[in-house]
Amino acid sequence: MPIERIVDDGAEMVLDDRLAPILIATWFGTATGKTIDGFRDWVEAQIVAAQARNEVLALINDSLDADRPSPAARTKFSALTFDPTVVIALPTVITNPMVRGVMTAVGWVIGERMKAVTTWATLPEAFESARTALREAGARPPPPSRINGYQRPKRGSLES
């Protein structure tokens, strides 16, 4: 699939499956209902495709440029559920203390569903976490050479 971009009211997200079975969602600004719904729909479609291939996925949430979500967005995030037999790891890159605090609060609300989520300070750490989870599940992660070639998208640019 091509890279997808969702823009709404100053929020932006980029959805990238080029390194599947590692998926990458890059968040910019303050998440909105539209960006969260687009994220959910994209991940659900990825899960259906992975199930058809009998594969598992790791989903990196790159939140380096994310702002603190609103209460309505936090509620939407709390309602998200992805099949844990398919989405086996959710490494999340967070450096903003406000976003980290929100994620902790969401974790309290969703409890057990949060167990696959890990937080990292850098994208390379998140990639290594995803690769490790995939190997432990018997899946074949993309080689480091492909990951090292990953170019993080820029806000407002279809260039990746």
C-alpha atoms as a PDB file:
ATOM      1  CA  MET A   1       0.000   0.000   0.000  1.00  0.00           C
ATOM      2  CA  PRO A   2       1.148   3.572  -0.503  1.00  0.00           C
ATOM      3  CA  ILE A   3       1.863   5.820   2.432  1.00  0.00           C
ATOM      4  CA  GLU A   4      -1.353   7.368   3.688  1.00  0.00           C
ATOM      5  CA  ARG A   5      -1.645  10.837   5.188  1.00  0.00           C
ATOM      6  CA  ILE A   6      -4.570  12.157   7.217  1.00  0.00           C
ATOM      7  CA  VAL A   7      -4.813  15.881   7.974  1.00  0.00           C
ATOM      8  CA  ASP A   8      -7.412  17.488  10.208  1.00  0.00           C
ATOM      9  CA  ASP A   9      -7.532  20.833  11.998  1.00  0.00           C
ATOM     10  CA  GLY A  10      -3.766  21.159  12.491  1.00  0.00           C
ATOM     11  CA  ALA A  11      -3.316  17.465  13.263  1.00  0.00           C
ATOM     12  CA  GLU A  12      -1.569  15.201  10.838  1.00  0.00           C
ATOM     13  CA  MET A  13      -0.628  11.570  10.721  1.00  0.00           C
ATOM     14  CA  VAL A  14       1.299   9.412   8.312  1.00  0.00           C
ATOM     15  CA  LEU A  15       0.560   5.683   8.014  1.00  0.00           C
ATOM     16  CA  ASP A  16       3.317   3.553   6.516  1.00  0.00           C
ATOM     17  CA  ASP A  17       3.346  -0.210   5.901  1.00  0.00           C
ATOM     18  CA  ARG A  18       6.432  -0.370   3.679  1.00  0.00           C
ATOM     19  CA  LEU A  19       8.390  -2.217   6.401  1.00  0.00           C
ATOM     20  CA  ALA A  20       5.637  -4.753   7.128  1.00  0.00           C
ATOM     21  CA  PRO A  21       5.303  -6.676   9.344  1.00  0.00           C
ATOM     22  CA  ILE A  22       6.388  -3.482  11.123  1.00  0.00           C
ATOM     23  CA  LEU A  23       3.805  -0.740  10.644  1.00  0.00           C
ATOM     24  CA  ILE A  24       4.551   2.892  11.474  1.00  0.00           C
ATOM     25  CA  ALA A  25       2.066   5.589  12.452  1.00  0.00           C
ATOM     26  CA  THR A  26       3.674   9.034  12.737  1.00  0.00           C
ATOM     27  CA  TRP A  27       1.609  11.591  14.653  1.00  0.00           C
ATOM     28  CA  PHE A  28       1.972  15.374  14.323  1.00  0.00           C
ATOM     29  CA  GLY A  29       0.130  17.932  16.451  1.00  0.00           C
ATOM     30  CA  THR A  30      -2.923  17.201  18.555  1.00  0.00           C
ATOM     31  CA  ALA A  31      -4.796  14.043  17.562  1.00  0.00           C
ATOM     32  CA  THR A  32      -8.393  14.578  16.479  1.00  0.00           C
ATOM     33  CA  GLY A  33     -11.349  12.264  16.057  1.00  0.00           C
ATOM     34  CA  LYS A  34     -10.657  12.136  12.318  1.00  0.00           C
ATOM     35  CA  THR A  35      -6.991  11.166  12.731  1.00  0.00           C
ATOM     36  CA  ILE A  36      -7.790   8.582  15.397  1.00  0.00           C
ATOM     37  CA  ASP A  37     -10.589   7.083  13.281  1.00  0.00           C
ATOM     38  CA  GLY A  38      -8.297   6.968  10.244  1.00  0.00           C
ATOM     39  CA  PHE A  39      -5.608   5.291  12.335  1.00  0.00           C
ATOM     40  CA  ARG A  40      -8.100   2.711  13.635  1.00  0.00           C
ATOM     41  CA  ASP A  41      -9.467   1.953  10.171  1.00  0.00           C
ATOM     42  CA  TRP A  42      -5.960   1.580   8.708  1.00  0.00           C
ATOM     43  CA  VAL A  43      -4.786  -0.731  11.490  1.00  0.00           C
ATOM     44  CA  GLU A  44      -7.942  -2.841  11.234  1.00  0.00           C
ATOM     45  CA  ALA A  45      -7.397  -3.253   7.472  1.00  0.00           C
ATOM     46  CA  GLN A  46      -3.769  -4.221   8.146  1.00  0.00           C
ATOM     47  CA  ILE A  47      -4.948  -6.817  10.679  1.00  0.00           C
ATOM     48  CA  VAL A  48      -7.383  -8.372   8.203  1.00  0.00           C
ATOM     49  CA  ALA A  49      -4.618  -8.607   5.587  1.00  0.00           C
ATOM     50  CA  ALA A  50      -2.160 -10.088   8.121  1.00  0.00           C
ATOM     51  CA  GLN A  51      -4.728 -12.665   9.256  1.00  0.00           C
ATOM     52  CA  ALA A  52      -5.227 -13.740   5.643  1.00  0.00           C
ATOM     53  CA  ARG A  53      -1.463 -14.319   5.394  1.00  0.00           C
ATOM     54  CA  ASN A  54      -1.296 -15.915   8.878  1.00  0.00           C
ATOM     55  CA  GLU A  55       1.151 -13.230  10.001  1.00  0.00           C
ATOM     56  CA  VAL A  56       1.640 -11.047  13.067  1.00  0.00           C
ATOM     57  CA  LEU A  57       2.362  -7.321  13.182  1.00  0.00           C
ATOM     58  CA  ALA A  58       4.275  -4.823  15.290  1.00  0.00           C
ATOM     59  CA  LEU A  59       2.904  -1.277  15.249  1.00  0.00           C
ATOM     60  CA  ILE A  60       5.231   1.620  16.022  1.00  0.00           C
ATOM     61  CA  ASN A  61       3.531   4.833  17.084  1.00  0.00           C
ATOM     62  CA  ASP A  62       5.982   7.646  16.389  1.00  0.00           C
ATOM     63  CA  SER A  63       4.734  10.411  18.670  1.00  0.00           C
ATOM     64  CA  LEU A  64       7.877  12.561  18.625  1.00  0.00           C
ATOM     65  CA  ASP A  65       5.920  15.502  17.210  1.00  0.00           C
ATOM     66  CA  ALA A  66       2.593  14.787  18.889  1.00  0.00           C
ATOM     67  CA  ASP A  67       0.959  17.232  21.257  1.00  0.00           C
ATOM     68  CA  ARG A  68      -1.140  16.361  24.277  1.00  0.00           C
ATOM     69  CA  PRO A  69      -4.497  14.943  23.106  1.00  0.00           C
ATOM     70  CA  SER A  70      -7.766  16.486  24.232  1.00  0.00           C
ATOM     71  CA  PRO A  71     -10.055  14.654  26.674  1.00  0.00           C
ATOM     72  CA  ALA A  72     -12.262  13.585  23.735  1.00  0.00           C
ATOM     73  CA  ALA A  73      -9.224  12.188  21.903  1.00  0.00           C
ATOM     74  CA  ARG A  74      -8.071  10.361  25.053  1.00  0.00           C
ATOM     75  CA  THR A  75     -11.506   8.742  25.279  1.00  0.00           C
ATOM     76  CA  LYS A  76     -11.258   7.631  21.634  1.00  0.00           C
ATOM     77  CA  PHE A  77      -7.746   6.246  22.219  1.00  0.00           C
ATOM     78  CA  SER A  78      -9.015   4.343  25.267  1.00  0.00           C
ATOM     79  CA  ALA A  79     -11.716   2.692  23.152  1.00  0.00           C
ATOM     80  CA  LEU A  80      -9.254   1.341  20.564  1.00  0.00           C
ATOM     81  CA  THR A  81      -8.825  -2.419  20.569  1.00  0.00           C
ATOM     82  CA  PHE A  82      -6.679  -4.390  18.176  1.00  0.00           C
ATOM     83  CA  ASP A  83      -6.488  -8.175  18.019  1.00  0.00           C
ATOM     84  CA  PRO A  84      -3.540  -9.015  20.329  1.00  0.00           C
ATOM     85  CA  THR A  85      -2.927 -12.281  18.511  1.00  0.00           C
ATOM     86  CA  VAL A  86      -2.071 -10.227  15.405  1.00  0.00           C
ATOM     87  CA  VAL A  87      -0.756  -6.916  16.768  1.00  0.00           C
ATOM     88  CA  ILE A  88       1.788  -8.386  19.161  1.00  0.00           C
ATOM     89  CA  ALA A  89       3.815  -5.268  19.963  1.00  0.00           C
ATOM     90  CA  LEU A  90       3.086  -1.562  20.138  1.00  0.00           C
ATOM     91  CA  PRO A  91       6.385   0.275  20.638  1.00  0.00           C
ATOM     92  CA  THR A  92       5.664   3.973  21.096  1.00  0.00           C
ATOM     93  CA  VAL A  93       8.175   6.800  20.784  1.00  0.00           C
ATOM     94  CA  ILE A  94       7.402   9.628  23.201  1.00  0.00           C
ATOM     95  CA  THR A  95       9.615  12.441  24.420  1.00  0.00           C
ATOM     96  CA  ASN A  96       6.954  15.008  25.386  1.00  0.00           C
ATOM     97  CA  PRO A  97       6.236  14.611  29.132  1.00  0.00           C
ATOM     98  CA  MET A  98       2.620  15.769  28.652  1.00  0.00           C
ATOM     99  CA  VAL A  99       1.993  13.071  26.028  1.00  0.00           C
ATOM    100  CA  ARG A 100       3.736  10.477  28.224  1.00  0.00           C
ATOM    101  CA  GLY A 101       1.437  11.449  31.114  1.00  0.00           C
ATOM    102  CA  VAL A 102      -1.657  11.048  28.946  1.00  0.00           C
ATOM    103  CA  MET A 103      -0.442   7.655  27.781  1.00  0.00           C
ATOM    104  CA  THR A 104       0.012   6.563  31.390  1.00  0.00           C
ATOM    105  CA  ALA A 105      -3.529   7.673  32.204  1.00  0.00           C
ATOM    106  CA  VAL A 106      -4.934   5.860  29.161  1.00  0.00           C
ATOM    107  CA  GLY A 107      -3.045   2.764  30.339  1.00  0.00           C
ATOM    108  CA  TRP A 108      -4.815   2.906  33.684  1.00  0.00           C
ATOM    109  CA  VAL A 109      -8.174   3.018  31.894  1.00  0.00           C
ATOM    110  CA  ILE A 110      -7.555   0.193  29.434  1.00  0.00           C
ATOM    111  CA  GLY A 111      -5.507  -2.012  31.753  1.00  0.00           C
ATOM    112  CA  GLU A 112      -4.648  -5.398  30.232  1.00  0.00           C
ATOM    113  CA  ARG A 113      -4.986  -4.107  26.668  1.00  0.00           C
ATOM    114  CA  MET A 114      -1.969  -1.869  27.356  1.00  0.00           C
ATOM    115  CA  LYS A 115       0.452  -4.756  28.004  1.00  0.00           C
ATOM    116  CA  ALA A 116       1.806  -4.799  24.421  1.00  0.00           C
ATOM    117  CA  VAL A 117       2.625  -1.077  24.594  1.00  0.00           C
ATOM    118  CA  THR A 118       6.196  -0.089  25.395  1.00  0.00           C
ATOM    119  CA  THR A 119       7.600   3.424  25.388  1.00  0.00           C
ATOM    120  CA  TRP A 120      10.904   4.509  23.914  1.00  0.00           C
ATOM    121  CA  ALA A 121      12.833   7.760  23.585  1.00  0.00           C
ATOM    122  CA  THR A 122      14.053   7.102  20.041  1.00  0.00           C
ATOM    123  CA  LEU A 123      12.813   5.548  16.835  1.00  0.00           C
ATOM    124  CA  PRO A 124      15.800   3.126  16.613  1.00  0.00           C
ATOM    125  CA  GLU A 125      14.870   1.751  20.053  1.00  0.00           C
ATOM    126  CA  ALA A 126      11.254   1.266  18.933  1.00  0.00           C
ATOM    127  CA  PHE A 127      12.406  -0.526  15.777  1.00  0.00           C
ATOM    128  CA  GLU A 128      14.605  -2.867  17.802  1.00  0.00           C
ATOM    129  CA  SER A 129      11.709  -3.579  20.179  1.00  0.00           C
ATOM    130  CA  ALA A 130       9.445  -4.375  17.211  1.00  0.00           C
ATOM    131  CA  ARG A 131      12.079  -6.616  15.605  1.00  0.00           C
ATOM    132  CA  THR A 132      12.612  -8.478  18.888  1.00  0.00           C
ATOM    133  CA  ALA A 133       8.876  -9.046  19.408  1.00  0.00           C
ATOM    134  CA  LEU A 134       8.474 -10.348  15.868  1.00  0.00           C
ATOM    135  CA  ARG A 135      11.445 -12.725  16.199  1.00  0.00           C
ATOM    136  CA  GLU A 136      10.102 -14.011  19.539  1.00  0.00           C
ATOM    137  CA  ALA A 137       6.753 -14.712  17.842  1.00  0.00           C
ATOM    138  CA  GLY A 138       8.490 -16.697  15.111  1.00  0.00           C
ATOM    139  CA  ALA A 139       7.952 -14.000  12.496  1.00  0.00           C
ATOM    140  CA  ARG A 140      10.559 -12.599  10.181  1.00  0.00           C
ATOM    141  CA  PRO A 141      11.177  -8.879  10.780  1.00  0.00           C
ATOM    142  CA  PRO A 142      12.661  -6.664   8.104  1.00  0.00           C
ATOM    143  CA  PRO A 143      16.461  -6.708   8.173  1.00  0.00           C
ATOM    144  CA  PRO A 144      18.363  -3.816   9.768  1.00  0.00           C
ATOM    145  CA  SER A 145      19.462  -2.645   6.320  1.00  0.00           C
ATOM    146  CA  ARG A 146      15.818  -1.929   5.381  1.00  0.00           C
ATOM    147  CA  ILE A 147      15.095  -0.286   8.720  1.00  0.00           C
ATOM    148  CA  ASN A 148      18.232   1.841   8.495  1.00  0.00           C
ATOM    149  CA  GLY A 149      16.945   3.128   5.170  1.00  0.00           C
ATOM    150  CA  TYR A 150      13.683   4.344   6.717  1.00  0.00           C
ATOM    151  CA  GLN A 151      13.196   8.088   6.334  1.00  0.00           C
ATOM    152  CA  ARG A 152      10.905   9.601   8.935  1.00  0.00           C
ATOM    153  CA  PRO A 153       8.181  11.666   7.226  1.00  0.00           C
ATOM    154  CA  LYS A 154       8.038  15.397   7.651  1.00  0.00           C
ATOM    155  CA  ARG A 155       4.907  17.243   8.572  1.00  0.00           C
ATOM    156  CA  GLY A 156       2.988  18.516   5.561  1.00  0.00           C
ATOM    157  CA  SER A 157       5.110  16.658   3.058  1.00  0.00           C
ATOM    158  CA  LEU A 158       4.189  13.646   0.997  1.00  0.00           C
ATOM    159  CA  GLU A 159       7.910  12.965   0.763  1.00  0.00           C
ATOM    160  CA  SER A 160       8.925  10.197   3.149  1.00  0.00           C
END
